[in-house]
Amino acid sequence: MKADIHPKYNAVVFQDLSSDFSFLTRSTLSSKETIKWEDGETYPLIKVEVSSHSHPFYTGKHKVMDSGGRIDKFRRRFGKPA
């Protein structure tokens, strides 16, 4: 097995810009921006648009598409009667 081929994991803070939610985790990403975390340490800051805190699937605001209606509409427009 080759030595030193695996990426190095560092502690970073991900900040959700849409909900101002932040969490500390390990990642291979890095950033020039830093933030002081709750434990008093300074960590690189990665800004993201969507996280589990703001994504509709995880927040319960997910809309279910009416696929049955779409199929019937397609059949009415293009041929085969149901």
N, C-alpha and C. Protein backbone atom coordinates (compact mmCIF):
# COMPACT_ATOMS: atom_id res chain seq x y z
N MET A 1 0.83 -1.17 0.00
CA MET A 1 0.00 0.00 0.00
C MET A 1 0.88 1.24 0.00
N LYS A 2 0.51 2.25 -0.80
CA LYS A 2 1.31 3.46 -0.89
C LYS A 2 1.13 4.32 0.36
N ALA A 3 2.19 4.92 0.77
CA ALA A 3 2.15 5.81 1.95
C ALA A 3 1.76 7.22 1.53
N ASP A 4 1.06 7.92 2.41
CA ASP A 4 0.72 9.34 2.24
C ASP A 4 -0.13 9.64 1.00
N ILE A 5 -1.05 8.74 0.64
CA ILE A 5 -1.93 9.02 -0.50
C ILE A 5 -3.33 9.45 -0.05
N HIS A 6 -3.64 9.25 1.21
CA HIS A 6 -4.97 9.60 1.70
C HIS A 6 -5.02 11.06 2.12
N PRO A 7 -6.15 11.73 1.90
CA PRO A 7 -6.25 13.14 2.28
C PRO A 7 -6.27 13.31 3.79
N LYS A 8 -5.84 14.47 4.23
CA LYS A 8 -5.80 14.77 5.66
C LYS A 8 -7.12 15.44 6.06
N TYR A 9 -7.75 14.93 7.10
CA TYR A 9 -9.00 15.49 7.61
C TYR A 9 -8.70 16.49 8.72
N ASN A 10 -9.31 17.67 8.62
CA ASN A 10 -9.16 18.71 9.63
C ASN A 10 -10.54 19.12 10.12
N ALA A 11 -10.59 19.68 11.31
CA ALA A 11 -11.85 20.20 11.83
C ALA A 11 -12.18 21.50 11.12
N VAL A 12 -13.42 21.61 10.60
CA VAL A 12 -13.89 22.83 9.94
C VAL A 12 -15.32 23.11 10.38
N VAL A 13 -15.75 24.35 10.23
CA VAL A 13 -17.12 24.74 10.54
C VAL A 13 -17.83 25.01 9.22
N PHE A 14 -19.00 24.36 9.04
CA PHE A 14 -19.86 24.62 7.89
C PHE A 14 -20.97 25.54 8.36
N GLN A 15 -21.21 26.61 7.60
CA GLN A 15 -22.26 27.57 7.95
C GLN A 15 -23.29 27.63 6.83
N ASP A 16 -24.55 27.36 7.17
CA ASP A 16 -25.66 27.44 6.23
C ASP A 16 -26.07 28.90 6.13
N LEU A 17 -25.91 29.49 4.95
CA LEU A 17 -26.19 30.91 4.77
C LEU A 17 -27.68 31.23 4.79
N SER A 18 -28.53 30.29 4.42
CA SER A 18 -29.96 30.56 4.36
C SER A 18 -30.63 30.50 5.73
N SER A 19 -30.04 29.78 6.69
CA SER A 19 -30.68 29.69 8.00
C SER A 19 -29.75 30.07 9.14
N ASP A 20 -28.55 30.50 8.84
CA ASP A 20 -27.56 30.90 9.85
C ASP A 20 -27.32 29.78 10.87
N PHE A 21 -27.29 28.55 10.38
CA PHE A 21 -27.01 27.37 11.20
C PHE A 21 -25.58 26.94 10.93
N SER A 22 -24.83 26.61 11.96
CA SER A 22 -23.44 26.19 11.80
C SER A 22 -23.19 24.88 12.54
N PHE A 23 -22.26 24.09 12.01
CA PHE A 23 -21.88 22.87 12.71
C PHE A 23 -20.41 22.58 12.46
N LEU A 24 -19.79 21.96 13.45
CA LEU A 24 -18.38 21.61 13.41
C LEU A 24 -18.24 20.14 13.04
N THR A 25 -17.39 19.86 12.06
CA THR A 25 -17.15 18.49 11.64
C THR A 25 -15.75 18.39 11.05
N ARG A 26 -15.39 17.19 10.63
CA ARG A 26 -14.10 17.00 9.97
C ARG A 26 -14.31 16.96 8.47
N SER A 27 -13.37 17.53 7.71
CA SER A 27 -13.48 17.56 6.27
C SER A 27 -12.10 17.70 5.65
N THR A 28 -12.00 17.37 4.37
CA THR A 28 -10.77 17.60 3.64
C THR A 28 -10.74 19.00 3.05
N LEU A 29 -11.88 19.71 3.07
CA LEU A 29 -11.94 21.08 2.56
C LEU A 29 -11.22 22.03 3.49
N SER A 30 -10.78 23.14 2.93
CA SER A 30 -10.13 24.16 3.73
C SER A 30 -10.59 25.52 3.22
N SER A 31 -10.36 26.55 3.99
CA SER A 31 -10.78 27.88 3.62
C SER A 31 -9.86 28.91 4.25
N LYS A 32 -9.77 30.07 3.62
CA LYS A 32 -8.98 31.16 4.19
C LYS A 32 -9.78 31.88 5.28
N GLU A 33 -11.10 31.79 5.20
CA GLU A 33 -11.95 32.41 6.22
C GLU A 33 -11.93 31.54 7.48
N THR A 34 -11.98 32.19 8.63
CA THR A 34 -12.01 31.45 9.89
C THR A 34 -13.13 31.98 10.77
N ILE A 35 -13.49 31.19 11.76
CA ILE A 35 -14.52 31.57 12.70
C ILE A 35 -14.13 31.03 14.08
N LYS A 36 -14.47 31.79 15.10
CA LYS A 36 -14.21 31.33 16.47
C LYS A 36 -15.43 30.52 16.90
N TRP A 37 -15.21 29.27 17.28
CA TRP A 37 -16.28 28.35 17.63
C TRP A 37 -16.61 28.44 19.11
N GLU A 38 -17.65 27.74 19.54
CA GLU A 38 -18.15 27.77 20.92
C GLU A 38 -17.10 27.32 21.93
N ASP A 39 -16.17 26.47 21.51
CA ASP A 39 -15.13 25.97 22.43
C ASP A 39 -13.95 26.92 22.56
N GLY A 40 -14.01 28.08 21.88
CA GLY A 40 -12.94 29.07 21.96
C GLY A 40 -11.86 28.91 20.92
N GLU A 41 -11.86 27.81 20.18
CA GLU A 41 -10.87 27.56 19.13
C GLU A 41 -11.30 28.25 17.84
N THR A 42 -10.35 28.51 16.96
CA THR A 42 -10.60 29.11 15.65
C THR A 42 -10.48 28.01 14.60
N TYR A 43 -11.50 27.90 13.72
CA TYR A 43 -11.54 26.87 12.69
C TYR A 43 -11.79 27.51 11.33
N PRO A 44 -11.37 26.84 10.24
CA PRO A 44 -11.72 27.32 8.90
C PRO A 44 -13.24 27.31 8.72
N LEU A 45 -13.76 28.27 7.98
CA LEU A 45 -15.21 28.41 7.76
C LEU A 45 -15.55 28.11 6.31
N ILE A 46 -16.47 27.16 6.11
CA ILE A 46 -16.97 26.82 4.78
C ILE A 46 -18.43 27.25 4.74
N LYS A 47 -18.78 28.14 3.81
CA LYS A 47 -20.15 28.63 3.69
C LYS A 47 -20.88 27.80 2.63
N VAL A 48 -22.08 27.31 2.99
CA VAL A 48 -22.89 26.52 2.07
C VAL A 48 -24.27 27.15 1.94
N GLU A 49 -24.90 26.96 0.79
CA GLU A 49 -26.23 27.51 0.54
C GLU A 49 -27.32 26.70 1.22
N VAL A 50 -27.18 25.37 1.22
CA VAL A 50 -28.21 24.48 1.75
C VAL A 50 -27.56 23.42 2.62
N SER A 51 -28.17 23.16 3.77
CA SER A 51 -27.72 22.07 4.63
C SER A 51 -28.96 21.31 5.09
N SER A 52 -28.76 20.33 5.95
CA SER A 52 -29.90 19.57 6.46
C SER A 52 -30.83 20.44 7.30
N HIS A 53 -30.36 21.57 7.76
CA HIS A 53 -31.19 22.48 8.57
C HIS A 53 -32.15 23.30 7.72
N SER A 54 -31.83 23.49 6.42
CA SER A 54 -32.69 24.32 5.57
C SER A 54 -33.27 23.59 4.37
N HIS A 55 -32.82 22.38 4.07
CA HIS A 55 -33.32 21.64 2.91
C HIS A 55 -34.75 21.18 3.15
N PRO A 56 -35.66 21.37 2.19
CA PRO A 56 -37.07 21.00 2.38
C PRO A 56 -37.30 19.54 2.74
N PHE A 57 -36.48 18.65 2.23
CA PHE A 57 -36.65 17.23 2.55
C PHE A 57 -36.46 16.97 4.04
N TYR A 58 -35.48 17.59 4.64
CA TYR A 58 -35.19 17.36 6.06
C TYR A 58 -36.05 18.19 7.00
N THR A 59 -36.57 19.32 6.51
CA THR A 59 -37.39 20.17 7.38
C THR A 59 -38.85 19.77 7.38
N GLY A 60 -39.25 18.85 6.49
CA GLY A 60 -40.64 18.42 6.43
C GLY A 60 -41.50 19.28 5.53
N LYS A 61 -40.92 20.19 4.80
CA LYS A 61 -41.67 21.06 3.89
C LYS A 61 -41.53 20.59 2.45
N HIS A 62 -41.21 19.32 2.28
CA HIS A 62 -41.02 18.73 0.96
C HIS A 62 -42.37 18.56 0.27
N LYS A 63 -42.46 19.00 -0.98
CA LYS A 63 -43.70 18.88 -1.74
C LYS A 63 -43.65 17.60 -2.57
N VAL A 64 -44.73 16.83 -2.53
CA VAL A 64 -44.82 15.61 -3.31
C VAL A 64 -45.51 15.93 -4.62
N MET A 65 -44.87 15.54 -5.71
CA MET A 65 -45.42 15.81 -7.04
C MET A 65 -46.58 14.86 -7.32
N ASP A 66 -47.57 15.34 -8.04
CA ASP A 66 -48.72 14.53 -8.43
C ASP A 66 -48.36 13.82 -9.73
N SER A 67 -47.64 12.71 -9.64
CA SER A 67 -47.19 12.01 -10.84
C SER A 67 -48.34 11.32 -11.56
N GLY A 68 -49.34 10.86 -10.83
CA GLY A 68 -50.49 10.20 -11.47
C GLY A 68 -51.23 11.16 -12.37
N GLY A 69 -51.42 12.37 -11.94
CA GLY A 69 -52.08 13.39 -12.75
C GLY A 69 -51.29 13.73 -13.99
N ARG A 70 -50.01 13.74 -13.89
CA ARG A 70 -49.17 14.05 -15.04
C ARG A 70 -49.25 12.96 -16.11
N ILE A 71 -49.30 11.71 -15.65
CA ILE A 71 -49.39 10.61 -16.60
C ILE A 71 -50.72 10.65 -17.34
N ASP A 72 -51.80 10.88 -16.61
CA ASP A 72 -53.12 10.97 -17.25
C ASP A 72 -53.18 12.14 -18.22
N LYS A 73 -52.60 13.24 -17.88
CA LYS A 73 -52.57 14.41 -18.75
C LYS A 73 -51.80 14.09 -20.03
N PHE A 74 -50.67 13.38 -19.90
CA PHE A 74 -49.88 12.99 -21.06
C PHE A 74 -50.68 12.08 -21.98
N ARG A 75 -51.36 11.10 -21.39
CA ARG A 75 -52.15 10.16 -22.20
C ARG A 75 -53.30 10.86 -22.92
N ARG A 76 -53.95 11.82 -22.27
CA ARG A 76 -55.02 12.58 -22.92
C ARG A 76 -54.49 13.39 -24.09
N ARG A 77 -53.32 13.95 -23.93
CA ARG A 77 -52.77 14.80 -24.99
C ARG A 77 -52.22 14.00 -26.16
N PHE A 78 -51.60 12.85 -25.90
CA PHE A 78 -50.85 12.18 -26.94
C PHE A 78 -51.36 10.80 -27.31
N GLY A 79 -52.59 10.49 -27.00
CA GLY A 79 -53.06 9.25 -27.57
C GLY A 79 -53.79 8.29 -26.69
N LYS A 80 -53.13 7.24 -26.27
CA LYS A 80 -53.76 6.10 -25.65
C LYS A 80 -54.74 6.50 -24.56
N PRO A 81 -56.01 6.10 -24.73
CA PRO A 81 -56.97 6.35 -23.66
C PRO A 81 -56.70 5.40 -22.49
N ALA A 82 -57.02 5.86 -21.33
CA ALA A 82 -56.74 5.08 -20.12
C ALA A 82 -57.61 3.88 -19.98
